[in-house]
Amino acid sequence: MDKVRRLRAMSSLCRQQAAYNSMNKWKLLAEAEYWEHLADLALSSHFQQCNATTSTNDVEPKTISA
């Protein structure tokens, strides 16, 4: 999850720079989108790994007795 935070921070920095640098605004915004895309991929991968490990650990559903 730290990786996702770092990638989103990079995206935020690019957006901030775009606000102050009109000459490279579109390049910086494109780079921000790239960092966001990498963050989304990392987050998706993280949840896929979490779901894969929990589904292999589940043996039987638990029943609740009254």
PDB file of N, CA and C in Angstrom:
ATOM      1  N   MET A   1       0.821  -1.189   0.000  1.00  0.00           N
ATOM      2  CA  MET A   1       0.000   0.000   0.000  1.00  0.00           C
ATOM      3  C   MET A   1       0.874   1.266   0.000  1.00  0.00           C
ATOM      4  N   ASP A   2       2.084   1.161   0.517  1.00  0.00           N
ATOM      5  CA  ASP A   2       2.988   2.316   0.470  1.00  0.00           C
ATOM      6  C   ASP A   2       3.330   2.671  -0.970  1.00  0.00           C
ATOM      7  N   LYS A   3       3.434   1.650  -1.811  1.00  0.00           N
ATOM      8  CA  LYS A   3       3.740   1.887  -3.219  1.00  0.00           C
ATOM      9  C   LYS A   3       2.633   2.717  -3.864  1.00  0.00           C
ATOM     10  N   VAL A   4       1.378   2.399  -3.556  1.00  0.00           N
ATOM     11  CA  VAL A   4       0.245   3.141  -4.106  1.00  0.00           C
ATOM     12  C   VAL A   4       0.293   4.596  -3.634  1.00  0.00           C
ATOM     13  N   ARG A   5       0.604   4.788  -2.365  1.00  0.00           N
ATOM     14  CA  ARG A   5       0.713   6.140  -1.821  1.00  0.00           C
ATOM     15  C   ARG A   5       1.811   6.939  -2.517  1.00  0.00           C
ATOM     16  N   ARG A   6       2.953   6.315  -2.747  1.00  0.00           N
ATOM     17  CA  ARG A   6       4.060   7.007  -3.413  1.00  0.00           C
ATOM     18  C   ARG A   6       3.694   7.363  -4.860  1.00  0.00           C
ATOM     19  N   LEU A   7       3.032   6.430  -5.554  1.00  0.00           N
ATOM     20  CA  LEU A   7       2.642   6.694  -6.938  1.00  0.00           C
ATOM     21  C   LEU A   7       1.620   7.831  -7.023  1.00  0.00           C
ATOM     22  N   ARG A   8       0.674   7.844  -6.088  1.00  0.00           N
ATOM     23  CA  ARG A   8      -0.319   8.927  -6.079  1.00  0.00           C
ATOM     24  C   ARG A   8       0.332  10.263  -5.697  1.00  0.00           C
ATOM     25  N   ALA A   9       1.347  10.216  -4.855  1.00  0.00           N
ATOM     26  CA  ALA A   9       2.069  11.439  -4.507  1.00  0.00           C
ATOM     27  C   ALA A   9       2.798  11.999  -5.731  1.00  0.00           C
ATOM     28  N   MET A  10       3.374  11.123  -6.535  1.00  0.00           N
ATOM     29  CA  MET A  10       4.031  11.563  -7.769  1.00  0.00           C
ATOM     30  C   MET A  10       3.023  12.214  -8.708  1.00  0.00           C
ATOM     31  N   SER A  11       1.852  11.624  -8.800  1.00  0.00           N
ATOM     32  CA  SER A  11       0.790  12.191  -9.635  1.00  0.00           C
ATOM     33  C   SER A  11       0.405  13.579  -9.139  1.00  0.00           C
ATOM     34  N   SER A  12       0.277  13.705  -7.845  1.00  0.00           N
ATOM     35  CA  SER A  12      -0.086  14.997  -7.257  1.00  0.00           C
ATOM     36  C   SER A  12       0.989  16.051  -7.528  1.00  0.00           C
ATOM     37  N   LEU A  13       2.245  15.667  -7.411  1.00  0.00           N
ATOM     38  CA  LEU A  13       3.330  16.608  -7.686  1.00  0.00           C
ATOM     39  C   LEU A  13       3.304  17.081  -9.137  1.00  0.00           C
ATOM     40  N   CYS A  14       3.017  16.165 -10.041  1.00  0.00           N
ATOM     41  CA  CYS A  14       2.939  16.545 -11.454  1.00  0.00           C
ATOM     42  C   CYS A  14       1.799  17.533 -11.689  1.00  0.00           C
ATOM     43  N   ARG A  15       0.669  17.299 -11.043  1.00  0.00           N
ATOM     44  CA  ARG A  15      -0.470  18.210 -11.200  1.00  0.00           C
ATOM     45  C   ARG A  15      -0.145  19.595 -10.607  1.00  0.00           C
ATOM     46  N   GLN A  16       0.547  19.600  -9.490  1.00  0.00           N
ATOM     47  CA  GLN A  16       0.929  20.883  -8.894  1.00  0.00           C
ATOM     48  C   GLN A  16       1.883  21.645  -9.809  1.00  0.00           C
ATOM     49  N   GLN A  17       2.846  20.928 -10.370  1.00  0.00           N
ATOM     50  CA  GLN A  17       3.786  21.566 -11.290  1.00  0.00           C
ATOM     51  C   GLN A  17       3.067  22.093 -12.528  1.00  0.00           C
ATOM     52  N   ALA A  18       2.071  21.362 -13.004  1.00  0.00           N
ATOM     53  CA  ALA A  18       1.321  21.794 -14.183  1.00  0.00           C
ATOM     54  C   ALA A  18       0.595  23.111 -13.919  1.00  0.00           C
ATOM     55  N   ALA A  19       0.162  23.313 -12.686  1.00  0.00           N
ATOM     56  CA  ALA A  19      -0.537  24.545 -12.346  1.00  0.00           C
ATOM     57  C   ALA A  19       0.383  25.760 -12.440  1.00  0.00           C
ATOM     58  N   TYR A  20       1.664  25.565 -12.231  1.00  0.00           N
ATOM     59  CA  TYR A  20       2.614  26.678 -12.220  1.00  0.00           C
ATOM     60  C   TYR A  20       3.464  26.765 -13.487  1.00  0.00           C
ATOM     61  N   ASN A  21       3.436  25.765 -14.309  1.00  0.00           N
ATOM     62  CA  ASN A  21       4.294  25.727 -15.489  1.00  0.00           C
ATOM     63  C   ASN A  21       3.421  25.588 -16.736  1.00  0.00           C
ATOM     64  N   SER A  22       2.993  26.706 -17.273  1.00  0.00           N
ATOM     65  CA  SER A  22       2.072  26.664 -18.409  1.00  0.00           C
ATOM     66  C   SER A  22       2.726  26.142 -19.688  1.00  0.00           C
ATOM     67  N   MET A  23       4.028  26.257 -19.785  1.00  0.00           N
ATOM     68  CA  MET A  23       4.719  25.784 -20.995  1.00  0.00           C
ATOM     69  C   MET A  23       4.663  24.257 -21.118  1.00  0.00           C
ATOM     70  N   ASN A  24       4.735  23.562 -19.995  1.00  0.00           N
ATOM     71  CA  ASN A  24       4.736  22.091 -19.999  1.00  0.00           C
ATOM     72  C   ASN A  24       3.485  21.505 -19.362  1.00  0.00           C
ATOM     73  N   LYS A  25       2.423  22.286 -19.317  1.00  0.00           N
ATOM     74  CA  LYS A  25       1.212  21.875 -18.614  1.00  0.00           C
ATOM     75  C   LYS A  25       0.684  20.528 -19.101  1.00  0.00           C
ATOM     76  N   TRP A  26       0.535  20.375 -20.399  1.00  0.00           N
ATOM     77  CA  TRP A  26      -0.065  19.141 -20.927  1.00  0.00           C
ATOM     78  C   TRP A  26       0.848  17.936 -20.730  1.00  0.00           C
ATOM     79  N   LYS A  27       2.140  18.159 -20.842  1.00  0.00           N
ATOM     80  CA  LYS A  27       3.089  17.062 -20.605  1.00  0.00           C
ATOM     81  C   LYS A  27       3.011  16.601 -19.143  1.00  0.00           C
ATOM     82  N   LEU A  28       2.958  17.558 -18.228  1.00  0.00           N
ATOM     83  CA  LEU A  28       2.896  17.228 -16.805  1.00  0.00           C
ATOM     84  C   LEU A  28       1.570  16.562 -16.439  1.00  0.00           C
ATOM     85  N   LEU A  29       0.477  17.021 -17.044  1.00  0.00           N
ATOM     86  CA  LEU A  29      -0.811  16.379 -16.784  1.00  0.00           C
ATOM     87  C   LEU A  29      -0.840  14.955 -17.332  1.00  0.00           C
ATOM     88  N   ALA A  30      -0.210  14.739 -18.472  1.00  0.00           N
ATOM     89  CA  ALA A  30      -0.116  13.381 -19.018  1.00  0.00           C
ATOM     90  C   ALA A  30       0.722  12.491 -18.106  1.00  0.00           C
ATOM     91  N   GLU A  31       1.790  13.047 -17.571  1.00  0.00           N
ATOM     92  CA  GLU A  31       2.629  12.285 -16.641  1.00  0.00           C
ATOM     93  C   GLU A  31       1.864  11.966 -15.355  1.00  0.00           C
ATOM     94  N   ALA A  32       1.046  12.894 -14.904  1.00  0.00           N
ATOM     95  CA  ALA A  32       0.216  12.655 -13.717  1.00  0.00           C
ATOM     96  C   ALA A  32      -0.752  11.502 -13.969  1.00  0.00           C
ATOM     97  N   GLU A  33      -1.339  11.472 -15.153  1.00  0.00           N
ATOM     98  CA  GLU A  33      -2.246  10.371 -15.504  1.00  0.00           C
ATOM     99  C   GLU A  33      -1.504   9.037 -15.531  1.00  0.00           C
ATOM    100  N   TYR A  34      -0.270   9.071 -16.007  1.00  0.00           N
ATOM    101  CA  TYR A  34       0.558   7.860 -16.029  1.00  0.00           C
ATOM    102  C   TYR A  34       0.790   7.335 -14.616  1.00  0.00           C
ATOM    103  N   TRP A  35       1.140   8.229 -13.678  1.00  0.00           N
ATOM    104  CA  TRP A  35       1.368   7.808 -12.292  1.00  0.00           C
ATOM    105  C   TRP A  35       0.084   7.269 -11.664  1.00  0.00           C
ATOM    106  N   GLU A  36      -1.058   7.907 -11.971  1.00  0.00           N
ATOM    107  CA  GLU A  36      -2.346   7.421 -11.456  1.00  0.00           C
ATOM    108  C   GLU A  36      -2.649   6.031 -11.997  1.00  0.00           C
ATOM    109  N   HIS A  37      -2.346   5.831 -13.270  1.00  0.00           N
ATOM    110  CA  HIS A  37      -2.572   4.518 -13.889  1.00  0.00           C
ATOM    111  C   HIS A  37      -1.726   3.452 -13.193  1.00  0.00           C
ATOM    112  N   LEU A  38      -0.473   3.766 -12.925  1.00  0.00           N
ATOM    113  CA  LEU A  38       0.389   2.816 -12.215  1.00  0.00           C
ATOM    114  C   LEU A  38      -0.142   2.540 -10.804  1.00  0.00           C
ATOM    115  N   ALA A  39      -0.652   3.552 -10.140  1.00  0.00           N
ATOM    116  CA  ALA A  39      -1.221   3.377  -8.803  1.00  0.00           C
ATOM    117  C   ALA A  39      -2.447   2.466  -8.859  1.00  0.00           C
ATOM    118  N   ASP A  40      -3.294   2.660  -9.868  1.00  0.00           N
ATOM    119  CA  ASP A  40      -4.473   1.806 -10.021  1.00  0.00           C
ATOM    120  C   ASP A  40      -4.073   0.353 -10.269  1.00  0.00           C
ATOM    121  N   LEU A  41      -3.058   0.162 -11.094  1.00  0.00           N
ATOM    122  CA  LEU A  41      -2.579  -1.204 -11.355  1.00  0.00           C
ATOM    123  C   LEU A  41      -2.012  -1.845 -10.091  1.00  0.00           C
ATOM    124  N   ALA A  42      -1.250  -1.087  -9.323  1.00  0.00           N
ATOM    125  CA  ALA A  42      -0.666  -1.613  -8.087  1.00  0.00           C
ATOM    126  C   ALA A  42      -1.754  -1.958  -7.078  1.00  0.00           C
ATOM    127  N   LEU A  43      -2.768  -1.105  -6.979  1.00  0.00           N
ATOM    128  CA  LEU A  43      -3.869  -1.355  -6.053  1.00  0.00           C
ATOM    129  C   LEU A  43      -4.665  -2.586  -6.474  1.00  0.00           C
ATOM    130  N   SER A  44      -4.929  -2.705  -7.753  1.00  0.00           N
ATOM    131  CA  SER A  44      -5.650  -3.861  -8.273  1.00  0.00           C
ATOM    132  C   SER A  44      -4.867  -5.150  -8.015  1.00  0.00           C
ATOM    133  N   SER A  45      -3.580  -5.100  -8.260  1.00  0.00           N
ATOM    134  CA  SER A  45      -2.726  -6.261  -8.027  1.00  0.00           C
ATOM    135  C   SER A  45      -2.721  -6.649  -6.554  1.00  0.00           C
ATOM    136  N   HIS A  46      -2.673  -5.644  -5.686  1.00  0.00           N
ATOM    137  CA  HIS A  46      -2.674  -5.900  -4.242  1.00  0.00           C
ATOM    138  C   HIS A  46      -3.948  -6.632  -3.817  1.00  0.00           C
ATOM    139  N   PHE A  47      -5.101  -6.155  -4.298  1.00  0.00           N
ATOM    140  CA  PHE A  47      -6.356  -6.773  -3.910  1.00  0.00           C
ATOM    141  C   PHE A  47      -6.530  -8.159  -4.531  1.00  0.00           C
ATOM    142  N   GLN A  48      -6.008  -8.360  -5.728  1.00  0.00           N
ATOM    143  CA  GLN A  48      -6.055  -9.693  -6.325  1.00  0.00           C
ATOM    144  C   GLN A  48      -5.233 -10.678  -5.503  1.00  0.00           C
ATOM    145  N   GLN A  49      -4.076 -10.241  -5.039  1.00  0.00           N
ATOM    146  CA  GLN A  49      -3.246 -11.104  -4.205  1.00  0.00           C
ATOM    147  C   GLN A  49      -3.925 -11.394  -2.875  1.00  0.00           C
ATOM    148  N   CYS A  50      -4.551 -10.382  -2.292  1.00  0.00           N
ATOM    149  CA  CYS A  50      -5.255 -10.576  -1.017  1.00  0.00           C
ATOM    150  C   CYS A  50      -6.402 -11.561  -1.184  1.00  0.00           C
ATOM    151  N   ASN A  51      -7.166 -11.406  -2.252  1.00  0.00           N
ATOM    152  CA  ASN A  51      -8.294 -12.301  -2.488  1.00  0.00           C
ATOM    153  C   ASN A  51      -7.839 -13.713  -2.796  1.00  0.00           C
ATOM    154  N   ALA A  52      -6.722 -13.860  -3.463  1.00  0.00           N
ATOM    155  CA  ALA A  52      -6.212 -15.192  -3.796  1.00  0.00           C
ATOM    156  C   ALA A  52      -5.763 -15.926  -2.537  1.00  0.00           C
ATOM    157  N   THR A  53      -5.118 -15.234  -1.620  1.00  0.00           N
ATOM    158  CA  THR A  53      -4.636 -15.898  -0.413  1.00  0.00           C
ATOM    159  C   THR A  53      -5.779 -16.211   0.539  1.00  0.00           C
ATOM    160  N   THR A  54      -6.789 -15.347   0.616  1.00  0.00           N
ATOM    161  CA  THR A  54      -7.901 -15.630   1.527  1.00  0.00           C
ATOM    162  C   THR A  54      -8.787 -16.732   0.985  1.00  0.00           C
ATOM    163  N   SER A  55      -8.930 -16.832  -0.336  1.00  0.00           N
ATOM    164  CA  SER A  55      -9.785 -17.882  -0.884  1.00  0.00           C
ATOM    165  C   SER A  55      -9.138 -19.259  -0.739  1.00  0.00           C
ATOM    166  N   THR A  56      -7.810 -19.330  -0.728  1.00  0.00           N
ATOM    167  CA  THR A  56      -7.156 -20.625  -0.534  1.00  0.00           C
ATOM    168  C   THR A  56      -7.163 -21.030   0.936  1.00  0.00           C
ATOM    169  N   ASN A  57      -7.291 -20.063   1.842  1.00  0.00           N
ATOM    170  CA  ASN A  57      -7.322 -20.365   3.264  1.00  0.00           C
ATOM    171  C   ASN A  57      -8.695 -20.789   3.743  1.00  0.00           C
ATOM    172  N   ASP A  58      -9.731 -20.440   3.014  1.00  0.00           N
ATOM    173  CA  ASP A  58     -11.097 -20.810   3.397  1.00  0.00           C
ATOM    174  C   ASP A  58     -11.330 -22.273   3.064  1.00  0.00           C
ATOM    175  N   VAL A  59     -11.609 -23.087   4.083  1.00  0.00           N
ATOM    176  CA  VAL A  59     -11.852 -24.509   3.856  1.00  0.00           C
ATOM    177  C   VAL A  59     -13.335 -24.785   3.831  1.00  0.00           C
ATOM    178  N   GLU A  60     -14.034 -24.418   4.869  1.00  0.00           N
ATOM    179  CA  GLU A  60     -15.469 -24.634   4.963  1.00  0.00           C
ATOM    180  C   GLU A  60     -16.136 -23.379   5.483  1.00  0.00           C
ATOM    181  N   PRO A  61     -17.348 -23.130   5.009  1.00  0.00           N
ATOM    182  CA  PRO A  61     -18.063 -21.996   5.609  1.00  0.00           C
ATOM    183  C   PRO A  61     -18.468 -22.324   7.046  1.00  0.00           C
ATOM    184  N   LYS A  62     -18.376 -21.340   7.892  1.00  0.00           N
ATOM    185  CA  LYS A  62     -18.734 -21.529   9.303  1.00  0.00           C
ATOM    186  C   LYS A  62     -20.230 -21.355   9.474  1.00  0.00           C
ATOM    187  N   THR A  63     -20.817 -22.199  10.333  1.00  0.00           N
ATOM    188  CA  THR A  63     -22.254 -22.079  10.615  1.00  0.00           C
ATOM    189  C   THR A  63     -22.423 -21.440  11.982  1.00  0.00           C
ATOM    190  N   ILE A  64     -23.484 -20.700  12.109  1.00  0.00           N
ATOM    191  CA  ILE A  64     -23.781 -20.042  13.390  1.00  0.00           C
ATOM    192  C   ILE A  64     -24.858 -20.841  14.084  1.00  0.00           C
ATOM    193  N   SER A  65     -24.550 -21.286  15.299  1.00  0.00           N
ATOM    194  CA  SER A  65     -25.547 -22.049  16.058  1.00  0.00           C
ATOM    195  C   SER A  65     -26.307 -21.108  16.992  1.00  0.00           C
ATOM    196  N   ALA A  66     -27.590 -21.376  17.119  1.00  0.00           N
ATOM    197  CA  ALA A  66     -28.437 -20.495  17.914  1.00  0.00           C
ATOM    198  C   ALA A  66     -28.314 -20.769  19.397  1.00  0.00           C
TER     199      ALA A  66
END
